[in-house]
PDB file of N, CA and C in Angstrom:
ATOM      1  N   MET A   1     -34.127 -12.592 -37.631  1.00  0.00           N
ATOM      2  CA  MET A   1     -35.121 -11.655 -37.179  1.00  0.00           C
ATOM      3  C   MET A   1     -35.349 -10.556 -38.213  1.00  0.00           C
ATOM      4  N   TRP A   2     -34.247  -9.984 -38.745  1.00  0.00           N
ATOM      5  CA  TRP A   2     -34.411  -8.924 -39.726  1.00  0.00           C
ATOM      6  C   TRP A   2     -33.180  -8.845 -40.614  1.00  0.00           C
ATOM      7  N   SER A   3     -33.366  -8.228 -41.786  1.00  0.00           N
ATOM      8  CA  SER A   3     -32.300  -8.107 -42.772  1.00  0.00           C
ATOM      9  C   SER A   3     -32.535  -6.849 -43.605  1.00  0.00           C
ATOM     10  N   VAL A   4     -31.438  -6.137 -43.904  1.00  0.00           N
ATOM     11  CA  VAL A   4     -31.502  -4.939 -44.736  1.00  0.00           C
ATOM     12  C   VAL A   4     -30.386  -5.032 -45.768  1.00  0.00           C
ATOM     13  N   GLY A   5     -30.692  -4.729 -47.028  1.00  0.00           N
ATOM     14  CA  GLY A   5     -29.676  -4.743 -48.071  1.00  0.00           C
ATOM     15  C   GLY A   5     -29.504  -6.110 -48.690  1.00  0.00           C
ATOM     16  N   SER A   6     -28.431  -6.240 -49.469  1.00  0.00           N
ATOM     17  CA  SER A   6     -28.159  -7.512 -50.127  1.00  0.00           C
ATOM     18  C   SER A   6     -26.662  -7.677 -50.343  1.00  0.00           C
ATOM     19  N   GLY A   7     -26.275  -8.913 -50.570  1.00  0.00           N
ATOM     20  CA  GLY A   7     -24.864  -9.217 -50.824  1.00  0.00           C
ATOM     21  C   GLY A   7     -23.968  -8.771 -49.688  1.00  0.00           C
ATOM     22  N   ARG A   8     -22.786  -8.263 -50.034  1.00  0.00           N
ATOM     23  CA  ARG A   8     -21.817  -7.831 -49.024  1.00  0.00           C
ATOM     24  C   ARG A   8     -22.312  -6.619 -48.232  1.00  0.00           C
ATOM     25  N   ALA A   9     -23.293  -5.909 -48.760  1.00  0.00           N
ATOM     26  CA  ALA A   9     -23.834  -4.737 -48.076  1.00  0.00           C
ATOM     27  C   ALA A   9     -24.999  -5.094 -47.160  1.00  0.00           C
ATOM     28  N   ARG A  10     -25.321  -6.372 -47.074  1.00  0.00           N
ATOM     29  CA  ARG A  10     -26.446  -6.827 -46.259  1.00  0.00           C
ATOM     30  C   ARG A  10     -26.101  -6.747 -44.779  1.00  0.00           C
ATOM     31  N   THR A  11     -27.008  -6.198 -44.000  1.00  0.00           N
ATOM     32  CA  THR A  11     -26.905  -6.185 -42.549  1.00  0.00           C
ATOM     33  C   THR A  11     -28.063  -7.021 -42.033  1.00  0.00           C
ATOM     34  N   TYR A  12     -27.782  -7.949 -41.132  1.00  0.00           N
ATOM     35  CA  TYR A  12     -28.853  -8.797 -40.634  1.00  0.00           C
ATOM     36  C   TYR A  12     -28.615  -9.211 -39.197  1.00  0.00           C
ATOM     37  N   CYS A  13     -29.708  -9.568 -38.534  1.00  0.00           N
ATOM     38  CA  CYS A  13     -29.676  -9.937 -37.134  1.00  0.00           C
ATOM     39  C   CYS A  13     -30.475 -11.217 -36.960  1.00  0.00           C
ATOM     40  N   GLY A  14     -29.932 -12.136 -36.200  1.00  0.00           N
ATOM     41  CA  GLY A  14     -30.618 -13.395 -35.954  1.00  0.00           C
ATOM     42  C   GLY A  14     -30.482 -13.827 -34.511  1.00  0.00           C
ATOM     43  N   ILE A  15     -31.340 -14.752 -34.115  1.00  0.00           N
ATOM     44  CA  ILE A  15     -31.307 -15.315 -32.772  1.00  0.00           C
ATOM     45  C   ILE A  15     -31.034 -16.802 -32.897  1.00  0.00           C
ATOM     46  N   ALA A  16     -30.053 -17.269 -32.153  1.00  0.00           N
ATOM     47  CA  ALA A  16     -29.736 -18.701 -32.116  1.00  0.00           C
ATOM     48  C   ALA A  16     -29.957 -19.204 -30.691  1.00  0.00           C
ATOM     49  N   GLU A  17     -30.483 -20.421 -30.565  1.00  0.00           N
ATOM     50  CA  GLU A  17     -30.724 -20.999 -29.251  1.00  0.00           C
ATOM     51  C   GLU A  17     -29.830 -22.217 -29.043  1.00  0.00           C
ATOM     52  N   ALA A  18     -29.211 -22.282 -27.873  1.00  0.00           N
ATOM     53  CA  ALA A  18     -28.393 -23.445 -27.521  1.00  0.00           C
ATOM     54  C   ALA A  18     -28.368 -23.591 -26.002  1.00  0.00           C
ATOM     55  N   GLU A  19     -28.697 -24.763 -25.535  1.00  0.00           N
ATOM     56  CA  GLU A  19     -28.618 -25.108 -24.116  1.00  0.00           C
ATOM     57  C   GLU A  19     -29.279 -24.070 -23.211  1.00  0.00           C
ATOM     58  N   GLY A  20     -30.481 -23.630 -23.592  1.00  0.00           N
ATOM     59  CA  GLY A  20     -31.238 -22.712 -22.760  1.00  0.00           C
ATOM     60  C   GLY A  20     -30.796 -21.265 -22.798  1.00  0.00           C
ATOM     61  N   GLU A  21     -29.870 -20.938 -23.680  1.00  0.00           N
ATOM     62  CA  GLU A  21     -29.433 -19.560 -23.849  1.00  0.00           C
ATOM     63  C   GLU A  21     -29.748 -19.121 -25.277  1.00  0.00           C
ATOM     64  N   PHE A  22     -29.831 -17.812 -25.460  1.00  0.00           N
ATOM     65  CA  PHE A  22     -30.182 -17.245 -26.756  1.00  0.00           C
ATOM     66  C   PHE A  22     -29.125 -16.226 -27.141  1.00  0.00           C
ATOM     67  N   ALA A  23     -28.534 -16.404 -28.309  1.00  0.00           N
ATOM     68  CA  ALA A  23     -27.526 -15.465 -28.803  1.00  0.00           C
ATOM     69  C   ALA A  23     -28.151 -14.571 -29.868  1.00  0.00           C
ATOM     70  N   VAL A  24     -27.966 -13.280 -29.714  1.00  0.00           N
ATOM     71  CA  VAL A  24     -28.417 -12.312 -30.710  1.00  0.00           C
ATOM     72  C   VAL A  24     -27.174 -11.861 -31.462  1.00  0.00           C
ATOM     73  N   ASP A  25     -27.116 -12.165 -32.746  1.00  0.00           N
ATOM     74  CA  ASP A  25     -25.940 -11.878 -33.560  1.00  0.00           C
ATOM     75  C   ASP A  25     -26.278 -10.848 -34.628  1.00  0.00           C
ATOM     76  N   LEU A  26     -25.406  -9.846 -34.775  1.00  0.00           N
ATOM     77  CA  LEU A  26     -25.557  -8.803 -35.789  1.00  0.00           C
ATOM     78  C   LEU A  26     -24.417  -8.954 -36.787  1.00  0.00           C
ATOM     79  N   PHE A  27     -24.758  -9.057 -38.065  1.00  0.00           N
ATOM     80  CA  PHE A  27     -23.769  -9.252 -39.124  1.00  0.00           C
ATOM     81  C   PHE A  27     -23.846  -8.141 -40.157  1.00  0.00           C
ATOM     82  N   SER A  28     -22.698  -7.859 -40.751  1.00  0.00           N
ATOM     83  CA  SER A  28     -22.616  -7.031 -41.946  1.00  0.00           C
ATOM     84  C   SER A  28     -21.877  -7.871 -42.968  1.00  0.00           C
ATOM     85  N   GLY A  29     -22.563  -8.235 -44.043  1.00  0.00           N
ATOM     86  CA  GLY A  29     -21.967  -9.175 -44.994  1.00  0.00           C
ATOM     87  C   GLY A  29     -21.719 -10.487 -44.272  1.00  0.00           C
ATOM     88  N   ASP A  30     -20.475 -10.962 -44.305  1.00  0.00           N
ATOM     89  CA  ASP A  30     -20.156 -12.205 -43.609  1.00  0.00           C
ATOM     90  C   ASP A  30     -19.364 -11.955 -42.325  1.00  0.00           C
ATOM     91  N   THR A  31     -19.380 -10.714 -41.833  1.00  0.00           N
ATOM     92  CA  THR A  31     -18.630 -10.351 -40.631  1.00  0.00           C
ATOM     93  C   THR A  31     -19.577 -10.149 -39.458  1.00  0.00           C
ATOM     94  N   CYS A  32     -19.312 -10.841 -38.357  1.00  0.00           N
ATOM     95  CA  CYS A  32     -20.106 -10.658 -37.141  1.00  0.00           C
ATOM     96  C   CYS A  32     -19.638  -9.380 -36.454  1.00  0.00           C
ATOM     97  N   LEU A  33     -20.562  -8.452 -36.264  1.00  0.00           N
ATOM     98  CA  LEU A  33     -20.241  -7.180 -35.635  1.00  0.00           C
ATOM     99  C   LEU A  33     -20.545  -7.185 -34.144  1.00  0.00           C
ATOM    100  N   SER A  34     -21.503  -8.015 -33.737  1.00  0.00           N
ATOM    101  CA  SER A  34     -21.927  -8.014 -32.348  1.00  0.00           C
ATOM    102  C   SER A  34     -22.602  -9.338 -32.028  1.00  0.00           C
ATOM    103  N   SER A  35     -22.386  -9.822 -30.812  1.00  0.00           N
ATOM    104  CA  SER A  35     -23.054 -11.030 -30.352  1.00  0.00           C
ATOM    105  C   SER A  35     -23.303 -10.889 -28.856  1.00  0.00           C
ATOM    106  N   GLU A  36     -24.539 -11.126 -28.458  1.00  0.00           N
ATOM    107  CA  GLU A  36     -24.892 -11.015 -27.048  1.00  0.00           C
ATOM    108  C   GLU A  36     -25.667 -12.258 -26.646  1.00  0.00           C
ATOM    109  N   VAL A  37     -25.293 -12.863 -25.511  1.00  0.00           N
ATOM    110  CA  VAL A  37     -25.964 -14.059 -25.015  1.00  0.00           C
ATOM    111  C   VAL A  37     -26.930 -13.653 -23.903  1.00  0.00           C
ATOM    112  N   LEU A  38     -28.172 -14.128 -24.023  1.00  0.00           N
ATOM    113  CA  LEU A  38     -29.222 -13.802 -23.067  1.00  0.00           C
ATOM    114  C   LEU A  38     -29.860 -15.084 -22.551  1.00  0.00           C
ATOM    115  N   THR A  39     -30.579 -14.986 -21.443  1.00  0.00           N
ATOM    116  CA  THR A  39     -31.150 -16.188 -20.835  1.00  0.00           C
ATOM    117  C   THR A  39     -32.604 -16.445 -21.200  1.00  0.00           C
ATOM    118  N   SER A  40     -33.274 -15.484 -21.863  1.00  0.00           N
ATOM    119  CA  SER A  40     -34.660 -15.737 -22.268  1.00  0.00           C
ATOM    120  C   SER A  40     -34.883 -15.300 -23.714  1.00  0.00           C
ATOM    121  N   ARG A  41     -35.806 -15.986 -24.369  1.00  0.00           N
ATOM    122  CA  ARG A  41     -36.120 -15.640 -25.752  1.00  0.00           C
ATOM    123  C   ARG A  41     -36.728 -14.241 -25.831  1.00  0.00           C
ATOM    124  N   GLY A  42     -37.542 -13.891 -24.857  1.00  0.00           N
ATOM    125  CA  GLY A  42     -38.143 -12.560 -24.837  1.00  0.00           C
ATOM    126  C   GLY A  42     -37.090 -11.464 -24.813  1.00  0.00           C
ATOM    127  N   ASP A  43     -36.064 -11.640 -23.975  1.00  0.00           N
ATOM    128  CA  ASP A  43     -34.975 -10.661 -23.926  1.00  0.00           C
ATOM    129  C   ASP A  43     -34.223 -10.619 -25.253  1.00  0.00           C
ATOM    130  N   ALA A  44     -34.050 -11.783 -25.881  1.00  0.00           N
ATOM    131  CA  ALA A  44     -33.350 -11.848 -27.163  1.00  0.00           C
ATOM    132  C   ALA A  44     -34.148 -11.114 -28.243  1.00  0.00           C
ATOM    133  N   VAL A  45     -35.451 -11.313 -28.266  1.00  0.00           N
ATOM    134  CA  VAL A  45     -36.299 -10.639 -29.252  1.00  0.00           C
ATOM    135  C   VAL A  45     -36.244  -9.127 -29.022  1.00  0.00           C
ATOM    136  N   HIS A  46     -36.316  -8.718 -27.770  1.00  0.00           N
ATOM    137  CA  HIS A  46     -36.244  -7.282 -27.449  1.00  0.00           C
ATOM    138  C   HIS A  46     -34.914  -6.691 -27.914  1.00  0.00           C
ATOM    139  N   THR A  47     -33.816  -7.395 -27.677  1.00  0.00           N
ATOM    140  CA  THR A  47     -32.491  -6.932 -28.095  1.00  0.00           C
ATOM    141  C   THR A  47     -32.405  -6.833 -29.615  1.00  0.00           C
ATOM    142  N   ALA A  48     -32.922  -7.845 -30.322  1.00  0.00           N
ATOM    143  CA  ALA A  48     -32.907  -7.829 -31.791  1.00  0.00           C
ATOM    144  C   ALA A  48     -33.732  -6.664 -32.325  1.00  0.00           C
ATOM    145  N   GLN A  49     -34.867  -6.400 -31.704  1.00  0.00           N
ATOM    146  CA  GLN A  49     -35.705  -5.275 -32.132  1.00  0.00           C
ATOM    147  C   GLN A  49     -35.009  -3.938 -31.876  1.00  0.00           C
ATOM    148  N   ALA A  50     -34.306  -3.834 -30.754  1.00  0.00           N
ATOM    149  CA  ALA A  50     -33.566  -2.610 -30.450  1.00  0.00           C
ATOM    150  C   ALA A  50     -32.446  -2.391 -31.472  1.00  0.00           C
ATOM    151  N   LEU A  51     -31.768  -3.472 -31.857  1.00  0.00           N
ATOM    152  CA  LEU A  51     -30.725  -3.361 -32.875  1.00  0.00           C
ATOM    153  C   LEU A  51     -31.325  -2.920 -34.209  1.00  0.00           C
ATOM    154  N   ARG A  52     -32.498  -3.446 -34.522  1.00  0.00           N
ATOM    155  CA  ARG A  52     -33.162  -3.036 -35.770  1.00  0.00           C
ATOM    156  C   ARG A  52     -33.489  -1.548 -35.733  1.00  0.00           C
ATOM    157  N   GLN A  53     -34.028  -1.103 -34.606  1.00  0.00           N
ATOM    158  CA  GLN A  53     -34.366   0.317 -34.464  1.00  0.00           C
ATOM    159  C   GLN A  53     -33.112   1.177 -34.620  1.00  0.00           C
ATOM    160  N   ARG A  54     -32.020   0.719 -34.045  1.00  0.00           N
ATOM    161  CA  ARG A  54     -30.784   1.507 -34.057  1.00  0.00           C
ATOM    162  C   ARG A  54     -30.063   1.483 -35.398  1.00  0.00           C
ATOM    163  N   TYR A  55     -30.004   0.296 -36.035  1.00  0.00           N
ATOM    164  CA  TYR A  55     -29.165   0.166 -37.226  1.00  0.00           C
ATOM    165  C   TYR A  55     -29.928   0.055 -38.537  1.00  0.00           C
ATOM    166  N   ALA A  56     -31.087  -0.582 -38.555  1.00  0.00           N
ATOM    167  CA  ALA A  56     -31.798  -0.781 -39.817  1.00  0.00           C
ATOM    168  C   ALA A  56     -32.703   0.393 -40.155  1.00  0.00           C
ATOM    169  N   THR A  57     -33.360   0.935 -39.168  1.00  0.00           N
ATOM    170  CA  THR A  57     -34.305   2.009 -39.416  1.00  0.00           C
ATOM    171  C   THR A  57     -33.646   3.242 -40.024  1.00  0.00           C
ATOM    172  N   PRO A  58     -32.533   3.757 -39.466  1.00  0.00           N
ATOM    173  CA  PRO A  58     -31.945   4.949 -40.041  1.00  0.00           C
ATOM    174  C   PRO A  58     -31.417   4.719 -41.432  1.00  0.00           C
ATOM    175  N   LEU A  59     -31.269   3.578 -41.810  1.00  0.00           N
ATOM    176  CA  LEU A  59     -30.689   3.322 -43.115  1.00  0.00           C
ATOM    177  C   LEU A  59     -31.571   3.050 -44.207  1.00  0.00           C
ATOM    178  N   LEU A  60     -31.322   2.850 -43.256  1.00  0.00           N
ATOM    179  CA  LEU A  60     -30.867   1.807 -44.049  1.00  0.00           C
ATOM    180  C   LEU A  60     -29.486   2.219 -44.491  1.00  0.00           C
ATOM    181  N   GLN A  61     -28.593   2.271 -43.574  1.00  0.00           N
ATOM    182  CA  GLN A  61     -27.194   2.602 -43.822  1.00  0.00           C
ATOM    183  C   GLN A  61     -26.293   1.510 -43.256  1.00  0.00           C
ATOM    184  N   SER A  62     -25.060   1.522 -43.662  1.00  0.00           N
ATOM    185  CA  SER A  62     -24.102   0.516 -43.230  1.00  0.00           C
ATOM    186  C   SER A  62     -23.827   0.630 -41.738  1.00  0.00           C
ATOM    187  N   PRO A  63     -23.635  -0.487 -41.027  1.00  0.00           N
ATOM    188  CA  PRO A  63     -23.284  -0.430 -39.610  1.00  0.00           C
ATOM    189  C   PRO A  63     -21.997   0.355 -39.395  1.00  0.00           C
ATOM    190  N   ARG A  64     -21.086   0.293 -40.349  1.00  0.00           N
ATOM    191  CA  ARG A  64     -19.839   1.043 -40.213  1.00  0.00           C
ATOM    192  C   ARG A  64     -20.108   2.553 -40.223  1.00  0.00           C
ATOM    193  N   ALA A  65     -21.153   2.957 -40.925  1.00  0.00           N
ATOM    194  CA  ALA A  65     -21.502   4.375 -40.985  1.00  0.00           C
ATOM    195  C   ALA A  65     -22.039   4.885 -39.648  1.00  0.00           C
ATOM    196  N   VAL A  66     -22.551   3.988 -38.814  1.00  0.00           N
ATOM    197  CA  VAL A  66     -23.056   4.393 -37.504  1.00  0.00           C
ATOM    198  C   VAL A  66     -22.101   4.009 -36.381  1.00  0.00           C
ATOM    199  N   GLY A  67     -20.864   3.682 -36.748  1.00  0.00           N
ATOM    200  CA  GLY A  67     -19.835   3.475 -35.738  1.00  0.00           C
ATOM    201  C   GLY A  67     -19.494   2.057 -35.365  1.00  0.00           C
ATOM    202  N   LEU A  68     -20.106   1.062 -35.988  1.00  0.00           N
ATOM    203  CA  LEU A  68     -19.735  -0.323 -35.697  1.00  0.00           C
ATOM    204  C   LEU A  68     -18.608  -0.757 -36.613  1.00  0.00           C
ATOM    205  N   SER A  69     -17.694  -1.512 -36.074  1.00  0.00           N
ATOM    206  CA  SER A  69     -16.643  -2.083 -36.912  1.00  0.00           C
ATOM    207  C   SER A  69     -16.264  -3.442 -36.352  1.00  0.00           C
ATOM    208  N   ALA A  70     -15.684  -4.245 -37.184  1.00  0.00           N
ATOM    209  CA  ALA A  70     -15.253  -5.580 -36.779  1.00  0.00           C
ATOM    210  C   ALA A  70     -13.734  -5.607 -36.791  1.00  0.00           C
ATOM    211  N   SER A  71     -13.172  -6.351 -35.880  1.00  0.00           N
ATOM    212  CA  SER A  71     -11.732  -6.503 -35.867  1.00  0.00           C
ATOM    213  C   SER A  71     -11.380  -7.911 -35.426  1.00  0.00           C
ATOM    214  N   ALA A  72     -10.232  -8.349 -35.853  1.00  0.00           N
ATOM    215  CA  ALA A  72      -9.746  -9.668 -35.467  1.00  0.00           C
ATOM    216  C   ALA A  72      -8.496  -9.481 -34.643  1.00  0.00           C
ATOM    217  N   SER A  73      -8.355 -10.321 -33.649  1.00  0.00           N
ATOM    218  CA  SER A  73      -7.193 -10.236 -32.790  1.00  0.00           C
ATOM    219  C   SER A  73      -6.529 -11.606 -32.734  1.00  0.00           C
ATOM    220  N   LEU A  74      -5.264 -11.643 -33.027  1.00  0.00           N
ATOM    221  CA  LEU A  74      -4.539 -12.893 -32.935  1.00  0.00           C
ATOM    222  C   LEU A  74      -3.749 -12.866 -31.632  1.00  0.00           C
ATOM    223  N   GLY A  75      -4.204 -13.655 -30.700  1.00  0.00           N
ATOM    224  CA  GLY A  75      -3.538 -13.681 -29.409  1.00  0.00           C
ATOM    225  C   GLY A  75      -2.238 -14.468 -29.480  1.00  0.00           C
ATOM    226  N   THR A  76      -1.253 -14.028 -28.777  1.00  0.00           N
ATOM    227  CA  THR A  76       0.009 -14.764 -28.695  1.00  0.00           C
ATOM    228  C   THR A  76       0.235 -15.160 -27.262  1.00  0.00           C
ATOM    229  N   PRO A  77       0.627 -16.397 -27.050  1.00  0.00           N
ATOM    230  CA  PRO A  77       0.833 -16.867 -25.672  1.00  0.00           C
ATOM    231  C   PRO A  77       1.997 -16.199 -24.998  1.00  0.00           C
TER     232      PRO A  77
END
């Protein structure tokens, strides 16, 4: 849907469709910062546009600068 920057500093948002659901994914470089599953393409487009307004417009700054961060969790049984 949209992209700002380049290389590891690139922030981008895309919509993926699978089995009647739409996932809106926000990435910084190769790290997924956010993913939301919606039931309609219209809702997915609206969500992607809202993310652009929130994260791409002011920046054109890093998602980490506006409070987003990625973390990994290794679960133990």
